[in-house]
């Protein structure tokens, strides 16, 4: 689903517009820093790089490679803005929102498939039925979260990202339906058959977390978040744009960066550590092996929200400048 389809109606926008170099530099450099931060996070956690903070200490040349990653992405962002001086803010915002929508629907497809696959494996493992389908040695491997994560989850996640290229639906409805079905099965199995397994609750929590955290950025795009205000509704579009621009930077982006910085701050950070170790719940082998992904959900939430706040900032500045092409949200289309 493209932004044009998601917005449920709106005016056509022009690729060209009045120069807004300061806003575009700030916005694209923000995305460049985010990309460099995540690349360096992978280098630190997966490949043992010392981190940018050690560049002036005992990190050596390897740490300066990570500094160069930041400089490279900031340079690419700045070059793009300089080479397209008349690119319209709304056009940039739409492209960023389209990319963010791709990330979100890819995550939805991934958790949908991982949830079904992992719940099936957990059921077979708990009921000692794996040996009916695989060898005993392989059955033991399916009892290891690192094996399941590496050889089941990761391939399914890759498939989810590939499906998202062709799919034009974000999948909110389907995931919500699957949550209802999972809850219904819990009720029936518990109160009719007196049967319950830890994996059943794990699956519902897994999908609930994905639904609410992944949908937040899309909801921001669609102006769907609750806005508690006294004066905002009566403002002109230009003044609303100013308020939204300031709020995007001081409240939205800053909050997203705090979550990203704390969650991905080194190997022992609250997101990196569970993911690197394929952490499982206290139920161990009788539940699903998806706790590490639920820790990552918080990071995905912050990243997609930051990306969307960048697009929101561009739209807000365009409103403040009175530029044409403002999106019109058609609530009935949703």
C-alpha atoms as a PDB file:
ATOM      1  CA  UNK A   1       0.000   0.000   0.000  1.00  0.00           C
ATOM      2  CA  UNK A   2       1.514   3.337  -1.017  1.00  0.00           C
ATOM      3  CA  UNK A   3       1.065   6.495   0.950  1.00  0.00           C
ATOM      4  CA  UNK A   4      -1.357   7.726  -1.680  1.00  0.00           C
ATOM      5  CA  UNK A   5      -3.475   4.641  -1.114  1.00  0.00           C
ATOM      6  CA  UNK A   6      -3.108   4.732   2.660  1.00  0.00           C
ATOM      7  CA  UNK A   7      -4.114   8.343   3.033  1.00  0.00           C
ATOM      8  CA  UNK A   8      -7.610   7.675   1.736  1.00  0.00           C
ATOM      9  CA  UNK A   9      -7.663  10.723  -0.487  1.00  0.00           C
ATOM     10  CA  UNK A  10      -5.735  13.920  -0.878  1.00  0.00           C
ATOM     11  CA  UNK A  11      -4.524  16.518  -3.305  1.00  0.00           C
ATOM     12  CA  UNK A  12      -1.914  15.763  -5.916  1.00  0.00           C
ATOM     13  CA  UNK A  13       1.521  16.999  -4.967  1.00  0.00           C
ATOM     14  CA  UNK A  14       4.261  18.376  -7.152  1.00  0.00           C
ATOM     15  CA  UNK A  15       7.792  17.004  -7.171  1.00  0.00           C
ATOM     16  CA  UNK A  16       9.141  20.553  -7.385  1.00  0.00           C
ATOM     17  CA  UNK A  17       8.541  23.210  -4.782  1.00  0.00           C
ATOM     18  CA  UNK A  18      10.074  26.264  -3.123  1.00  0.00           C
ATOM     19  CA  UNK A  19      13.513  25.572  -1.580  1.00  0.00           C
ATOM     20  CA  UNK A  20      13.445  24.415   2.043  1.00  0.00           C
ATOM     21  CA  UNK A  21      17.083  23.418   2.449  1.00  0.00           C
ATOM     22  CA  UNK A  22      17.308  23.816   6.227  1.00  0.00           C
ATOM     23  CA  UNK A  23      14.330  21.545   6.947  1.00  0.00           C
ATOM     24  CA  UNK A  24      15.402  18.999   4.342  1.00  0.00           C
ATOM     25  CA  UNK A  25      19.005  18.970   5.576  1.00  0.00           C
ATOM     26  CA  UNK A  26      17.848  18.439   9.157  1.00  0.00           C
ATOM     27  CA  UNK A  27      15.385  15.717   8.182  1.00  0.00           C
ATOM     28  CA  UNK A  28      17.602  13.703   5.844  1.00  0.00           C
ATOM     29  CA  UNK A  29      20.646  14.003   8.095  1.00  0.00           C
ATOM     30  CA  UNK A  30      18.478  12.725  10.938  1.00  0.00           C
ATOM     31  CA  UNK A  31      17.693   9.647   8.833  1.00  0.00           C
ATOM     32  CA  UNK A  32      21.366   9.343   7.891  1.00  0.00           C
ATOM     33  CA  UNK A  33      22.396   9.350  11.554  1.00  0.00           C
ATOM     34  CA  UNK A  34      19.724   6.755  12.330  1.00  0.00           C
ATOM     35  CA  UNK A  35      20.997   4.490   9.536  1.00  0.00           C
ATOM     36  CA  UNK A  36      24.616   4.913  10.646  1.00  0.00           C
ATOM     37  CA  UNK A  37      23.641   4.213  14.262  1.00  0.00           C
ATOM     38  CA  UNK A  38      21.950   0.936  13.324  1.00  0.00           C
ATOM     39  CA  UNK A  39      24.831  -0.134  11.048  1.00  0.00           C
ATOM     40  CA  UNK A  40      27.289   0.537  13.856  1.00  0.00           C
ATOM     41  CA  UNK A  41      25.039  -1.323  16.275  1.00  0.00           C
ATOM     42  CA  UNK A  42      25.312  -4.431  14.094  1.00  0.00           C
ATOM     43  CA  UNK A  43      29.095  -3.973  13.829  1.00  0.00           C
ATOM     44  CA  UNK A  44      29.389  -3.679  17.619  1.00  0.00           C
ATOM     45  CA  UNK A  45      27.079  -6.528  18.629  1.00  0.00           C
ATOM     46  CA  UNK A  46      27.727  -9.031  15.842  1.00  0.00           C
ATOM     47  CA  UNK A  47      31.324  -8.321  14.857  1.00  0.00           C
ATOM     48  CA  UNK A  48      32.878  -7.053  18.076  1.00  0.00           C
ATOM     49  CA  UNK A  49      33.664  -3.496  16.963  1.00  0.00           C
ATOM     50  CA  UNK A  50      34.534  -1.270  19.964  1.00  0.00           C
ATOM     51  CA  UNK A  51      32.056   1.536  19.293  1.00  0.00           C
ATOM     52  CA  UNK A  52      32.375   5.181  18.276  1.00  0.00           C
ATOM     53  CA  UNK A  53      32.957   6.361  21.849  1.00  0.00           C
ATOM     54  CA  UNK A  54      36.279   4.512  21.928  1.00  0.00           C
ATOM     55  CA  UNK A  55      37.655   6.277  18.850  1.00  0.00           C
ATOM     56  CA  UNK A  56      39.569   8.775  21.001  1.00  0.00           C
ATOM     57  CA  UNK A  57      40.564   6.087  23.471  1.00  0.00           C
ATOM     58  CA  UNK A  58      41.908   2.613  22.912  1.00  0.00           C
ATOM     59  CA  UNK A  59      39.506   1.688  20.102  1.00  0.00           C
ATOM     60  CA  UNK A  60      42.131   2.037  17.415  1.00  0.00           C
ATOM     61  CA  UNK A  61      41.516   2.148  13.672  1.00  0.00           C
ATOM     62  CA  UNK A  62      38.438  -0.089  13.915  1.00  0.00           C
ATOM     63  CA  UNK A  63      36.612   2.525  15.990  1.00  0.00           C
ATOM     64  CA  UNK A  64      37.416   5.144  13.377  1.00  0.00           C
ATOM     65  CA  UNK A  65      35.758   2.931  10.789  1.00  0.00           C
ATOM     66  CA  UNK A  66      32.552   3.363  12.774  1.00  0.00           C
ATOM     67  CA  UNK A  67      33.101   7.128  12.875  1.00  0.00           C
ATOM     68  CA  UNK A  68      33.515   7.003   9.098  1.00  0.00           C
ATOM     69  CA  UNK A  69      30.145   5.231   8.825  1.00  0.00           C
ATOM     70  CA  UNK A  70      28.472   8.260  10.424  1.00  0.00           C
ATOM     71  CA  UNK A  71      30.351  10.697   8.210  1.00  0.00           C
ATOM     72  CA  UNK A  72      29.463   8.679   5.105  1.00  0.00           C
ATOM     73  CA  UNK A  73      25.717   8.565   5.757  1.00  0.00           C
ATOM     74  CA  UNK A  74      25.582  12.207   6.834  1.00  0.00           C
ATOM     75  CA  UNK A  75      27.474  13.108   3.664  1.00  0.00           C
ATOM     76  CA  UNK A  76      25.098  11.081   1.483  1.00  0.00           C
ATOM     77  CA  UNK A  77      22.089  12.790   3.089  1.00  0.00           C
ATOM     78  CA  UNK A  78      23.582  16.254   2.646  1.00  0.00           C
ATOM     79  CA  UNK A  79      24.578  15.516  -0.958  1.00  0.00           C
ATOM     80  CA  UNK A  80      21.053  14.382  -1.797  1.00  0.00           C
ATOM     81  CA  UNK A  81      19.566  17.609  -0.455  1.00  0.00           C
ATOM     82  CA  UNK A  82      22.115  19.819  -2.215  1.00  0.00           C
ATOM     83  CA  UNK A  83      21.613  17.972  -5.505  1.00  0.00           C
ATOM     84  CA  UNK A  84      17.813  18.372  -5.322  1.00  0.00           C
ATOM     85  CA  UNK A  85      17.390  21.955  -4.054  1.00  0.00           C
ATOM     86  CA  UNK A  86      13.808  22.381  -5.298  1.00  0.00           C
ATOM     87  CA  UNK A  87      12.435  19.031  -4.188  1.00  0.00           C
ATOM     88  CA  UNK A  88       9.069  19.642  -2.515  1.00  0.00           C
ATOM     89  CA  UNK A  89       8.802  18.904   1.188  1.00  0.00           C
ATOM     90  CA  UNK A  90       5.583  16.957   0.716  1.00  0.00           C
ATOM     91  CA  UNK A  91       7.200  14.831  -1.992  1.00  0.00           C
ATOM     92  CA  UNK A  92      10.073  13.917   0.343  1.00  0.00           C
ATOM     93  CA  UNK A  93       7.624  13.258   3.162  1.00  0.00           C
ATOM     94  CA  UNK A  94       5.577  10.932   0.975  1.00  0.00           C
ATOM     95  CA  UNK A  95       8.631   8.928  -0.099  1.00  0.00           C
ATOM     96  CA  UNK A  96       9.759   8.557   3.507  1.00  0.00           C
ATOM     97  CA  UNK A  97       6.265   7.495   4.593  1.00  0.00           C
ATOM     98  CA  UNK A  98       6.100   4.949   1.763  1.00  0.00           C
ATOM     99  CA  UNK A  99       9.377   3.408   2.887  1.00  0.00           C
ATOM    100  CA  UNK A 100       8.210   3.353   6.484  1.00  0.00           C
ATOM    101  CA  UNK A 101       4.973   1.667   5.420  1.00  0.00           C
ATOM    102  CA  UNK A 102       7.065  -1.022   3.723  1.00  0.00           C
ATOM    103  CA  UNK A 103       9.008  -1.640   6.937  1.00  0.00           C
ATOM    104  CA  UNK A 104       5.803  -1.880   8.946  1.00  0.00           C
ATOM    105  CA  UNK A 105       3.998  -4.284   6.643  1.00  0.00           C
ATOM    106  CA  UNK A 106       7.178  -6.397   6.384  1.00  0.00           C
ATOM    107  CA  UNK A 107       7.238  -6.650  10.179  1.00  0.00           C
ATOM    108  CA  UNK A 108       3.558  -7.614  10.255  1.00  0.00           C
ATOM    109  CA  UNK A 109       4.055 -10.384   7.705  1.00  0.00           C
ATOM    110  CA  UNK A 110       7.115 -11.596   9.609  1.00  0.00           C
ATOM    111  CA  UNK A 111       5.442 -11.861  13.012  1.00  0.00           C
ATOM    112  CA  UNK A 112       2.379 -13.485  11.483  1.00  0.00           C
ATOM    113  CA  UNK A 113       4.442 -16.300   9.941  1.00  0.00           C
ATOM    114  CA  UNK A 114       6.879 -16.613  12.846  1.00  0.00           C
ATOM    115  CA  UNK A 115       3.998 -16.811  15.309  1.00  0.00           C
ATOM    116  CA  UNK A 116       2.279 -19.654  13.459  1.00  0.00           C
ATOM    117  CA  UNK A 117       5.528 -21.555  12.884  1.00  0.00           C
ATOM    118  CA  UNK A 118       6.894 -21.146  16.405  1.00  0.00           C
ATOM    119  CA  UNK A 119       3.568 -22.033  18.049  1.00  0.00           C
ATOM    120  CA  UNK A 120       3.426 -25.212  15.954  1.00  0.00           C
ATOM    121  CA  UNK A 121       6.973 -26.167  16.903  1.00  0.00           C
ATOM    122  CA  UNK A 122       6.320 -25.379  20.571  1.00  0.00           C
ATOM    123  CA  UNK A 123       3.190 -27.560  20.560  1.00  0.00           C
ATOM    124  CA  UNK A 124       5.037 -30.482  18.967  1.00  0.00           C
ATOM    125  CA  UNK A 125       7.944 -30.023  21.352  1.00  0.00           C
ATOM    126  CA  UNK A 126       5.711 -29.829  24.430  1.00  0.00           C
ATOM    127  CA  UNK A 127       3.670 -32.888  23.438  1.00  0.00           C
ATOM    128  CA  UNK A 128       6.855 -34.778  22.484  1.00  0.00           C
ATOM    129  CA  UNK A 129       5.677 -35.198  18.892  1.00  0.00           C
ATOM    130  CA  UNK A 130       8.707 -33.797  17.075  1.00  0.00           C
ATOM    131  CA  UNK A 131      10.328 -37.194  16.679  1.00  0.00           C
ATOM    132  CA  UNK A 132       7.388 -38.233  14.511  1.00  0.00           C
ATOM    133  CA  UNK A 133       8.533 -35.715  11.889  1.00  0.00           C
ATOM    134  CA  UNK A 134      12.299 -35.311  12.426  1.00  0.00           C
ATOM    135  CA  UNK A 135      15.170 -37.312  13.839  1.00  0.00           C
ATOM    136  CA  UNK A 136      15.858 -37.384  17.561  1.00  0.00           C
ATOM    137  CA  UNK A 137      18.975 -35.235  17.156  1.00  0.00           C
ATOM    138  CA  UNK A 138      17.014 -32.672  15.173  1.00  0.00           C
ATOM    139  CA  UNK A 139      14.235 -32.730  17.773  1.00  0.00           C
ATOM    140  CA  UNK A 140      16.813 -31.805  20.418  1.00  0.00           C
ATOM    141  CA  UNK A 141      17.976 -28.901  18.268  1.00  0.00           C
ATOM    142  CA  UNK A 142      14.404 -27.640  18.058  1.00  0.00           C
ATOM    143  CA  UNK A 143      14.599 -27.330  21.844  1.00  0.00           C
ATOM    144  CA  UNK A 144      17.317 -24.680  21.506  1.00  0.00           C
ATOM    145  CA  UNK A 145      16.189 -21.086  21.004  1.00  0.00           C
ATOM    146  CA  UNK A 146      19.322 -20.176  19.048  1.00  0.00           C
ATOM    147  CA  UNK A 147      18.663 -22.976  16.545  1.00  0.00           C
ATOM    148  CA  UNK A 148      14.976 -22.090  16.107  1.00  0.00           C
ATOM    149  CA  UNK A 149      15.788 -18.411  15.865  1.00  0.00           C
ATOM    150  CA  UNK A 150      18.548 -18.897  13.307  1.00  0.00           C
ATOM    151  CA  UNK A 151      16.977 -21.562  11.099  1.00  0.00           C
ATOM    152  CA  UNK A 152      13.241 -20.894  11.445  1.00  0.00           C
ATOM    153  CA  UNK A 153      12.643 -17.300  12.515  1.00  0.00           C
ATOM    154  CA  UNK A 154      15.263 -15.501  10.429  1.00  0.00           C
ATOM    155  CA  UNK A 155      14.315 -17.222   7.126  1.00  0.00           C
ATOM    156  CA  UNK A 156      10.638 -16.449   7.784  1.00  0.00           C
ATOM    157  CA  UNK A 157      11.483 -12.821   8.530  1.00  0.00           C
ATOM    158  CA  UNK A 158      13.351 -12.603   5.226  1.00  0.00           C
ATOM    159  CA  UNK A 159      10.302 -14.072   3.468  1.00  0.00           C
ATOM    160  CA  UNK A 160       8.133 -11.486   5.235  1.00  0.00           C
ATOM    161  CA  UNK A 161      10.252  -8.644   3.860  1.00  0.00           C
ATOM    162  CA  UNK A 162      10.064 -10.149   0.376  1.00  0.00           C
ATOM    163  CA  UNK A 163       6.277 -10.527   0.579  1.00  0.00           C
ATOM    164  CA  UNK A 164       5.999  -6.897   1.698  1.00  0.00           C
ATOM    165  CA  UNK A 165       7.551  -5.770  -1.589  1.00  0.00           C
ATOM    166  CA  UNK A 166       4.568  -7.163  -3.483  1.00  0.00           C
ATOM    167  CA  UNK A 167       1.871  -6.820  -0.842  1.00  0.00           C
ATOM    168  CA  UNK A 168       0.015  -3.527  -0.547  1.00  0.00           C
ATOM    169  CA  UNK A 169      -1.753  -4.184   2.728  1.00  0.00           C
ATOM    170  CA  UNK A 170      -0.333  -3.500   6.158  1.00  0.00           C
ATOM    171  CA  UNK A 171      -2.142  -6.501   7.597  1.00  0.00           C
ATOM    172  CA  UNK A 172      -3.636  -4.853  10.685  1.00  0.00           C
ATOM    173  CA  UNK A 173      -6.970  -6.510  10.088  1.00  0.00           C
ATOM    174  CA  UNK A 174      -5.516  -9.967   9.556  1.00  0.00           C
ATOM    175  CA  UNK A 175      -3.262  -9.799  12.594  1.00  0.00           C
ATOM    176  CA  UNK A 176      -6.127  -8.548  14.764  1.00  0.00           C
ATOM    177  CA  UNK A 177      -8.276 -11.422  13.445  1.00  0.00           C
ATOM    178  CA  UNK A 178      -5.540 -13.932  14.291  1.00  0.00           C
ATOM    179  CA  UNK A 179      -5.356 -12.536  17.827  1.00  0.00           C
ATOM    180  CA  UNK A 180      -9.091 -13.041  18.243  1.00  0.00           C
ATOM    181  CA  UNK A 181      -8.797 -16.595  16.889  1.00  0.00           C
ATOM    182  CA  UNK A 182      -5.903 -17.357  19.247  1.00  0.00           C
ATOM    183  CA  UNK A 183      -7.850 -15.983  22.233  1.00  0.00           C
ATOM    184  CA  UNK A 184     -10.906 -18.008  21.223  1.00  0.00           C
ATOM    185  CA  UNK A 185      -8.845 -21.193  21.031  1.00  0.00           C
ATOM    186  CA  UNK A 186      -7.495 -20.524  24.528  1.00  0.00           C
ATOM    187  CA  UNK A 187     -11.007 -20.134  25.904  1.00  0.00           C
ATOM    188  CA  UNK A 188     -12.280 -23.275  24.173  1.00  0.00           C
ATOM    189  CA  UNK A 189      -9.286 -25.427  25.109  1.00  0.00           C
ATOM    190  CA  UNK A 190      -9.246 -24.212  28.713  1.00  0.00           C
ATOM    191  CA  UNK A 191     -12.933 -24.325  29.592  1.00  0.00           C
ATOM    192  CA  UNK A 192     -14.143 -27.084  27.288  1.00  0.00           C
ATOM    193  CA  UNK A 193     -11.191 -29.469  27.162  1.00  0.00           C
ATOM    194  CA  UNK A 194      -9.319 -28.344  30.319  1.00  0.00           C
ATOM    195  CA  UNK A 195      -6.164 -28.088  28.235  1.00  0.00           C
ATOM    196  CA  UNK A 196      -3.727 -25.191  28.306  1.00  0.00           C
ATOM    197  CA  UNK A 197      -0.106 -24.665  27.364  1.00  0.00           C
ATOM    198  CA  UNK A 198       2.239 -21.724  27.956  1.00  0.00           C
ATOM    199  CA  UNK A 199       2.688 -21.320  24.206  1.00  0.00           C
ATOM    200  CA  UNK A 200      -0.946 -20.230  23.842  1.00  0.00           C
ATOM    201  CA  UNK A 201      -0.504 -17.185  26.053  1.00  0.00           C
ATOM    202  CA  UNK A 202       2.896 -16.486  24.477  1.00  0.00           C
ATOM    203  CA  UNK A 203       1.355 -16.336  21.012  1.00  0.00           C
ATOM    204  CA  UNK A 204      -1.357 -13.866  22.027  1.00  0.00           C
ATOM    205  CA  UNK A 205       1.146 -11.585  23.817  1.00  0.00           C
ATOM    206  CA  UNK A 206       3.500 -11.787  20.843  1.00  0.00           C
ATOM    207  CA  UNK A 207       0.861 -10.713  18.348  1.00  0.00           C
ATOM    208  CA  UNK A 208      -0.657  -8.097  20.658  1.00  0.00           C
ATOM    209  CA  UNK A 209       2.744  -6.458  21.148  1.00  0.00           C
ATOM    210  CA  UNK A 210       3.345  -6.421  17.394  1.00  0.00           C
ATOM    211  CA  UNK A 211      -0.105  -5.007  16.639  1.00  0.00           C
ATOM    212  CA  UNK A 212       0.176  -2.027  18.957  1.00  0.00           C
ATOM    213  CA  UNK A 213       3.867  -1.201  18.581  1.00  0.00           C
ATOM    214  CA  UNK A 214       4.074  -1.590  14.807  1.00  0.00           C
ATOM    215  CA  UNK A 215       0.798   0.227  14.170  1.00  0.00           C
ATOM    216  CA  UNK A 216       1.869   3.373  16.029  1.00  0.00           C
ATOM    217  CA  UNK A 217       3.837   4.915  13.150  1.00  0.00           C
ATOM    218  CA  UNK A 218       1.046   4.187  10.664  1.00  0.00           C
ATOM    219  CA  UNK A 219      -1.443   5.749  13.077  1.00  0.00           C
ATOM    220  CA  UNK A 220       0.746   8.865  13.243  1.00  0.00           C
ATOM    221  CA  UNK A 221       0.683   9.078   9.446  1.00  0.00           C
ATOM    222  CA  UNK A 222      -3.099   8.799   9.506  1.00  0.00           C
ATOM    223  CA  UNK A 223      -3.537  11.362  12.322  1.00  0.00           C
ATOM    224  CA  UNK A 224      -5.102   8.583  14.357  1.00  0.00           C
ATOM    225  CA  UNK A 225      -3.438   9.224  17.723  1.00  0.00           C
ATOM    226  CA  UNK A 226      -5.544  10.904  20.369  1.00  0.00           C
ATOM    227  CA  UNK A 227      -4.679  14.595  20.532  1.00  0.00           C
ATOM    228  CA  UNK A 228      -5.679  16.205  23.828  1.00  0.00           C
ATOM    229  CA  UNK A 229      -5.828  19.948  23.215  1.00  0.00           C
ATOM    230  CA  UNK A 230      -7.772  23.059  24.034  1.00  0.00           C
ATOM    231  CA  UNK A 231      -6.593  25.473  21.347  1.00  0.00           C
ATOM    232  CA  UNK A 232      -5.162  23.373  18.478  1.00  0.00           C
ATOM    233  CA  UNK A 233      -8.450  22.608  16.716  1.00  0.00           C
ATOM    234  CA  UNK A 234      -9.094  26.308  16.209  1.00  0.00           C
ATOM    235  CA  UNK A 235      -5.695  27.153  14.744  1.00  0.00           C
ATOM    236  CA  UNK A 236      -5.144  27.968  11.068  1.00  0.00           C
ATOM    237  CA  UNK A 237      -3.209  25.425   9.014  1.00  0.00           C
ATOM    238  CA  UNK A 238      -0.053  27.552   9.203  1.00  0.00           C
ATOM    239  CA  UNK A 239      -0.156  27.696  12.990  1.00  0.00           C
ATOM    240  CA  UNK A 240      -0.982  23.981  13.237  1.00  0.00           C
ATOM    241  CA  UNK A 241       2.069  23.317  11.095  1.00  0.00           C
ATOM    242  CA  UNK A 242       4.259  25.311  13.475  1.00  0.00           C
ATOM    243  CA  UNK A 243       2.929  23.456  16.516  1.00  0.00           C
ATOM    244  CA  UNK A 244       3.353  20.080  14.803  1.00  0.00           C
ATOM    245  CA  UNK A 245       6.906  20.928  13.680  1.00  0.00           C
ATOM    246  CA  UNK A 246       7.991  21.921  17.181  1.00  0.00           C
ATOM    247  CA  UNK A 247       6.250  18.924  18.719  1.00  0.00           C
ATOM    248  CA  UNK A 248       7.833  16.541  16.208  1.00  0.00           C
ATOM    249  CA  UNK A 249      11.334  17.640  17.200  1.00  0.00           C
ATOM    250  CA  UNK A 250      11.007  18.301  20.923  1.00  0.00           C
ATOM    251  CA  UNK A 251       8.622  15.484  21.821  1.00  0.00           C
ATOM    252  CA  UNK A 252       8.468  12.891  19.049  1.00  0.00           C
ATOM    253  CA  UNK A 253      12.036  12.634  17.802  1.00  0.00           C
ATOM    254  CA  UNK A 254      13.604  13.145  21.212  1.00  0.00           C
ATOM    255  CA  UNK A 255      11.512  10.352  22.753  1.00  0.00           C
ATOM    256  CA  UNK A 256      12.302   8.004  19.878  1.00  0.00           C
ATOM    257  CA  UNK A 257      16.017   8.711  20.181  1.00  0.00           C
ATOM    258  CA  UNK A 258      15.992   8.046  23.930  1.00  0.00           C
ATOM    259  CA  UNK A 259      14.471   4.595  23.334  1.00  0.00           C
ATOM    260  CA  UNK A 260      16.911   3.852  20.496  1.00  0.00           C
ATOM    261  CA  UNK A 261      19.967   5.072  22.410  1.00  0.00           C
ATOM    262  CA  UNK A 262      19.128   3.130  25.578  1.00  0.00           C
ATOM    263  CA  UNK A 263      17.928   0.012  23.792  1.00  0.00           C
ATOM    264  CA  UNK A 264      20.873  -0.345  21.409  1.00  0.00           C
ATOM    265  CA  UNK A 265      23.660   1.040  23.599  1.00  0.00           C
ATOM    266  CA  UNK A 266      26.187  -1.799  23.440  1.00  0.00           C
ATOM    267  CA  UNK A 267      26.035  -5.568  23.779  1.00  0.00           C
ATOM    268  CA  UNK A 268      24.376  -5.498  27.209  1.00  0.00           C
ATOM    269  CA  UNK A 269      21.665  -2.977  26.304  1.00  0.00           C
ATOM    270  CA  UNK A 270      18.045  -3.841  27.033  1.00  0.00           C
ATOM    271  CA  UNK A 271      17.287  -4.664  23.387  1.00  0.00           C
ATOM    272  CA  UNK A 272      20.652  -5.882  22.125  1.00  0.00           C
ATOM    273  CA  UNK A 273      21.246  -8.390  24.918  1.00  0.00           C
ATOM    274  CA  UNK A 274      18.024 -10.432  24.525  1.00  0.00           C
ATOM    275  CA  UNK A 275      18.337 -10.425  20.735  1.00  0.00           C
ATOM    276  CA  UNK A 276      21.998 -11.471  20.719  1.00  0.00           C
ATOM    277  CA  UNK A 277      21.283 -14.333  23.134  1.00  0.00           C
ATOM    278  CA  UNK A 278      17.928 -15.425  21.655  1.00  0.00           C
ATOM    279  CA  UNK A 279      16.476 -14.969  25.128  1.00  0.00           C
ATOM    280  CA  UNK A 280      13.440 -17.062  26.116  1.00  0.00           C
ATOM    281  CA  UNK A 281      10.802 -16.700  28.817  1.00  0.00           C
ATOM    282  CA  UNK A 282      10.948 -18.402  32.212  1.00  0.00           C
ATOM    283  CA  UNK A 283       8.744 -21.170  30.843  1.00  0.00           C
ATOM    284  CA  UNK A 284      11.791 -22.305  28.861  1.00  0.00           C
ATOM    285  CA  UNK A 285      11.261 -25.180  26.484  1.00  0.00           C
ATOM    286  CA  UNK A 286       7.498 -25.441  27.027  1.00  0.00           C
ATOM    287  CA  UNK A 287       6.768 -22.014  25.573  1.00  0.00           C
ATOM    288  CA  UNK A 288       7.539 -20.135  22.397  1.00  0.00           C
ATOM    289  CA  UNK A 289      11.028 -18.854  21.642  1.00  0.00           C
ATOM    290  CA  UNK A 290       9.960 -15.319  20.814  1.00  0.00           C
ATOM    291  CA  UNK A 291      10.891 -13.225  23.875  1.00  0.00           C
ATOM    292  CA  UNK A 292      13.990 -11.845  22.146  1.00  0.00           C
ATOM    293  CA  UNK A 293      11.807 -10.603  19.297  1.00  0.00           C
ATOM    294  CA  UNK A 294       9.423  -8.890  21.702  1.00  0.00           C
ATOM    295  CA  UNK A 295      12.397  -6.950  23.079  1.00  0.00           C
ATOM    296  CA  UNK A 296      13.214  -5.934  19.512  1.00  0.00           C
ATOM    297  CA  UNK A 297       9.619  -4.762  18.994  1.00  0.00           C
ATOM    298  CA  UNK A 298      10.352  -1.758  21.206  1.00  0.00           C
ATOM    299  CA  UNK A 299      13.283  -0.840  18.977  1.00  0.00           C
ATOM    300  CA  UNK A 300      11.194  -1.256  15.822  1.00  0.00           C
ATOM    301  CA  UNK A 301       8.546   0.977  17.395  1.00  0.00           C
ATOM    302  CA  UNK A 302      11.093   3.727  18.099  1.00  0.00           C
ATOM    303  CA  UNK A 303      12.743   3.454  14.677  1.00  0.00           C
ATOM    304  CA  UNK A 304       9.513   3.565  12.689  1.00  0.00           C
ATOM    305  CA  UNK A 305       8.175   6.387  14.848  1.00  0.00           C
ATOM    306  CA  UNK A 306      11.368   8.395  14.313  1.00  0.00           C
ATOM    307  CA  UNK A 307      11.162   7.887  10.557  1.00  0.00           C
ATOM    308  CA  UNK A 308       7.517   8.908  10.552  1.00  0.00           C
ATOM    309  CA  UNK A 309       8.207  11.960  12.720  1.00  0.00           C
ATOM    310  CA  UNK A 310      10.754  13.075  10.118  1.00  0.00           C
ATOM    311  CA  UNK A 311       8.065  12.853   7.437  1.00  0.00           C
ATOM    312  CA  UNK A 312       5.594  14.526   9.802  1.00  0.00           C
ATOM    313  CA  UNK A 313       8.050  17.384  10.340  1.00  0.00           C
ATOM    314  CA  UNK A 314       8.329  17.936   6.585  1.00  0.00           C
ATOM    315  CA  UNK A 315       4.550  17.965   6.227  1.00  0.00           C
ATOM    316  CA  UNK A 316       4.262  20.356   9.177  1.00  0.00           C
ATOM    317  CA  UNK A 317       6.800  22.812   7.745  1.00  0.00           C
ATOM    318  CA  UNK A 318       5.022  22.615   4.383  1.00  0.00           C
ATOM    319  CA  UNK A 319       1.784  23.530   6.180  1.00  0.00           C
ATOM    320  CA  UNK A 320       3.533  26.358   7.993  1.00  0.00           C
ATOM    321  CA  UNK A 321       4.786  27.711   4.662  1.00  0.00           C
ATOM    322  CA  UNK A 322       1.350  27.354   3.078  1.00  0.00           C
ATOM    323  CA  UNK A 323       2.554  24.962   0.388  1.00  0.00           C
ATOM    324  CA  UNK A 324      -0.104  23.166  -1.708  1.00  0.00           C
ATOM    325  CA  UNK A 325      -0.824  19.438  -1.651  1.00  0.00           C
ATOM    326  CA  UNK A 326      -1.802  18.966   1.994  1.00  0.00           C
ATOM    327  CA  UNK A 327      -2.992  15.418   2.673  1.00  0.00           C
ATOM    328  CA  UNK A 328      -6.690  15.011   3.389  1.00  0.00           C
ATOM    329  CA  UNK A 329      -7.537  12.086   5.653  1.00  0.00           C
ATOM    330  CA  UNK A 330     -10.659  10.283   4.553  1.00  0.00           C
ATOM    331  CA  UNK A 331     -11.778   8.522   7.703  1.00  0.00           C
ATOM    332  CA  UNK A 332     -14.550   6.655   5.885  1.00  0.00           C
ATOM    333  CA  UNK A 333     -11.951   4.931   3.710  1.00  0.00           C
ATOM    334  CA  UNK A 334     -10.588   3.134   6.722  1.00  0.00           C
END
